[in-house]
Amino acid sequence: MADFLLAIRPVLSIEGYSQNKRTGYVNDKDDAGGETIGGIARNFWPNELVWKYVDIAKKDKVNFPKNLGAIPGLDDSVLSFYLRNFWNKIGGNGIKTQPIAGVLVNAAVNLGIPPAIKMAEGLVHVKQDGVVDPELISKLNAL
């Protein structure tokens, strides 16, 4: 089966997040997402655990955001976010081929889950309803 960590690393890289370095924090007033770390925008995902860790780091106004690298639990919360909200919803654990899983999770993060699934359904010529089902997983695994 495809490996979640291998599939999500390129997504995190695009988002400017590096595990263990915990970079990828921005707060752009012109961005609708507002404060963002690792592609997780506070305005869109305000209840995510990652914000607890960012808020802890922000208490040290002199060293923030450089001090994010010293906050235990931040990496796990970022990974958990992508696992729950994208990987699990695309059926990532059922996909055998790493490149297919990687492309699909990247598409889910950047296009949305239903459009990403519909793209995969179109690729394997099954009904495009945006729902992961055994037929889709089977056909993806046959590629």
Protein backbone atom coordinates (compact mmCIF):
# COMPACT_ATOMS: atom_id res chain seq x y z
CA MET A 1 0.00 0.00 0.00
CA ALA A 2 1.01 3.59 -0.53
CA ASP A 3 2.68 5.38 2.36
CA PHE A 4 1.03 8.54 3.71
CA LEU A 5 4.30 10.21 4.73
CA LEU A 6 5.86 9.68 1.31
CA ALA A 7 2.73 11.02 -0.37
CA ILE A 8 2.34 14.11 1.81
CA ARG A 9 5.98 15.30 1.86
CA PRO A 10 5.78 16.94 -1.60
CA VAL A 11 2.56 18.69 -0.58
CA LEU A 12 4.20 19.99 2.59
CA SER A 13 7.20 21.12 0.57
CA ILE A 14 4.97 23.11 -1.78
CA GLU A 15 3.37 24.67 1.29
CA GLY A 16 6.82 25.64 2.58
CA TYR A 17 6.65 23.28 5.56
CA SER A 18 9.65 21.20 6.49
CA GLN A 19 9.25 18.61 9.22
CA ASN A 20 11.66 19.09 12.11
CA LYS A 21 12.42 22.65 10.91
CA ARG A 22 8.75 23.65 11.19
CA THR A 23 8.97 26.41 8.65
CA GLY A 24 6.14 27.51 6.40
CA TYR A 25 4.50 30.13 8.62
CA VAL A 26 3.09 33.27 6.99
CA ASN A 27 0.57 35.90 7.98
CA ASP A 28 -0.36 37.77 4.81
CA LYS A 29 -3.07 40.39 5.37
CA ASP A 30 -3.97 40.18 1.66
CA ASP A 31 -4.55 36.41 1.81
CA ALA A 32 -8.11 35.30 2.62
CA GLY A 33 -6.68 32.44 4.67
CA GLY A 34 -4.81 34.87 6.90
CA GLU A 35 -2.35 33.28 9.26
CA THR A 36 -1.09 30.03 7.71
CA ILE A 37 1.34 27.28 8.62
CA GLY A 38 2.13 24.35 6.36
CA GLY A 39 -0.78 25.29 4.11
CA ILE A 40 -3.27 25.23 7.01
CA ALA A 41 -5.04 28.59 7.01
CA ARG A 42 -6.39 29.74 10.35
CA ASN A 43 -9.37 31.53 8.76
CA PHE A 44 -10.50 28.28 7.10
CA TRP A 45 -9.40 25.78 9.76
CA PRO A 46 -9.62 27.75 13.04
CA ASN A 47 -10.20 24.75 15.32
CA GLU A 48 -7.19 22.70 14.24
CA LEU A 49 -4.76 21.68 16.98
CA VAL A 50 -1.87 23.23 15.05
CA TRP A 51 -3.04 26.68 16.19
CA LYS A 52 -2.55 25.74 19.84
CA TYR A 53 1.13 25.18 19.10
CA VAL A 54 1.47 28.34 17.03
CA ASP A 55 -0.16 30.37 19.80
CA ILE A 56 2.31 28.93 22.33
CA ALA A 57 5.20 29.96 20.08
CA LYS A 58 3.73 33.45 19.58
CA LYS A 59 4.05 34.17 23.31
CA ASP A 60 7.78 34.63 22.66
CA LYS A 61 7.43 37.76 20.52
CA VAL A 62 11.20 38.14 20.11
CA ASN A 63 11.81 34.72 18.59
CA PHE A 64 8.53 34.06 16.75
CA PRO A 65 8.23 32.47 14.17
CA LYS A 66 11.80 31.12 14.34
CA ASN A 67 10.95 29.35 17.58
CA LEU A 68 8.34 27.13 15.90
CA GLY A 69 11.13 24.57 15.46
CA ALA A 70 11.27 24.13 19.24
CA ILE A 71 7.57 23.40 19.74
CA PRO A 72 6.95 19.69 20.40
CA GLY A 73 3.77 18.34 18.86
CA LEU A 74 3.63 20.76 15.95
CA ASP A 75 4.78 18.26 13.31
CA ASP A 76 2.33 15.64 14.54
CA SER A 77 -0.55 18.11 14.44
CA VAL A 78 0.29 19.17 10.86
CA LEU A 79 0.52 15.54 9.72
CA SER A 80 -2.68 14.64 11.54
CA PHE A 81 -4.49 17.49 9.77
CA TYR A 82 -3.55 16.19 6.32
CA LEU A 83 -4.18 12.56 7.29
CA ARG A 84 -7.72 13.23 8.59
CA ASN A 85 -8.84 15.85 6.14
CA PHE A 86 -7.34 14.55 2.89
CA TRP A 87 -5.57 11.16 2.93
CA ASN A 88 -8.37 9.29 4.67
CA LYS A 89 -11.03 10.97 2.52
CA ILE A 90 -9.38 9.89 -0.74
CA GLY A 91 -9.02 6.30 0.47
CA GLY A 92 -5.24 6.64 0.57
CA ASN A 93 -4.68 3.51 2.65
CA GLY A 94 -6.34 1.40 -0.06
CA ILE A 95 -4.20 2.68 -2.93
CA LYS A 96 -1.28 0.39 -3.77
CA THR A 97 0.79 2.61 -6.06
CA GLN A 98 2.73 5.42 -4.40
CA PRO A 99 2.74 7.80 -7.39
CA ILE A 100 -1.04 7.49 -7.82
CA ALA A 101 -1.63 8.11 -4.12
CA GLY A 102 0.74 11.08 -4.22
CA VAL A 103 -0.96 12.71 -7.18
CA LEU A 104 -4.40 12.11 -5.71
CA VAL A 105 -3.63 13.55 -2.26
CA ASN A 106 -1.92 16.56 -3.86
CA ALA A 107 -4.99 17.14 -6.04
CA ALA A 108 -7.30 16.77 -3.01
CA VAL A 109 -5.35 19.40 -1.08
CA ASN A 110 -5.14 21.85 -3.97
CA LEU A 111 -8.39 21.27 -5.88
CA GLY A 112 -10.67 19.87 -3.19
CA ILE A 113 -11.66 16.31 -2.44
CA PRO A 114 -14.61 15.84 -4.83
CA PRO A 115 -12.77 17.34 -7.84
CA ALA A 116 -9.70 15.20 -7.13
CA ILE A 117 -11.80 12.05 -6.86
CA LYS A 118 -13.71 12.94 -10.02
CA MET A 119 -10.37 13.37 -11.81
CA ALA A 120 -9.34 9.87 -10.70
CA GLU A 121 -12.74 8.47 -11.70
CA GLY A 122 -12.38 9.99 -15.15
CA LEU A 123 -8.93 8.48 -15.49
CA VAL A 124 -10.24 4.95 -14.89
CA HIS A 125 -13.59 5.44 -16.66
CA VAL A 126 -16.03 4.97 -13.80
CA LYS A 127 -19.02 7.10 -12.85
CA GLN A 128 -17.77 10.55 -11.84
CA ASP A 129 -19.63 11.24 -8.63
CA GLY A 130 -16.72 12.36 -6.45
CA VAL A 131 -17.15 9.46 -4.03
CA VAL A 132 -14.42 6.96 -3.20
CA ASP A 133 -15.75 3.42 -3.50
CA PRO A 134 -14.25 -0.07 -3.90
CA GLU A 135 -14.61 0.05 -7.70
CA LEU A 136 -12.53 3.23 -7.93
CA ILE A 137 -9.82 1.88 -5.62
CA SER A 138 -9.73 -1.41 -7.53
CA LYS A 139 -9.38 0.33 -10.89
CA LEU A 140 -6.69 2.68 -9.56
CA ASN A 141 -4.80 -0.31 -8.20
CA ALA A 142 -5.00 -2.01 -11.61
CA LEU A 143 -3.13 0.85 -13.29
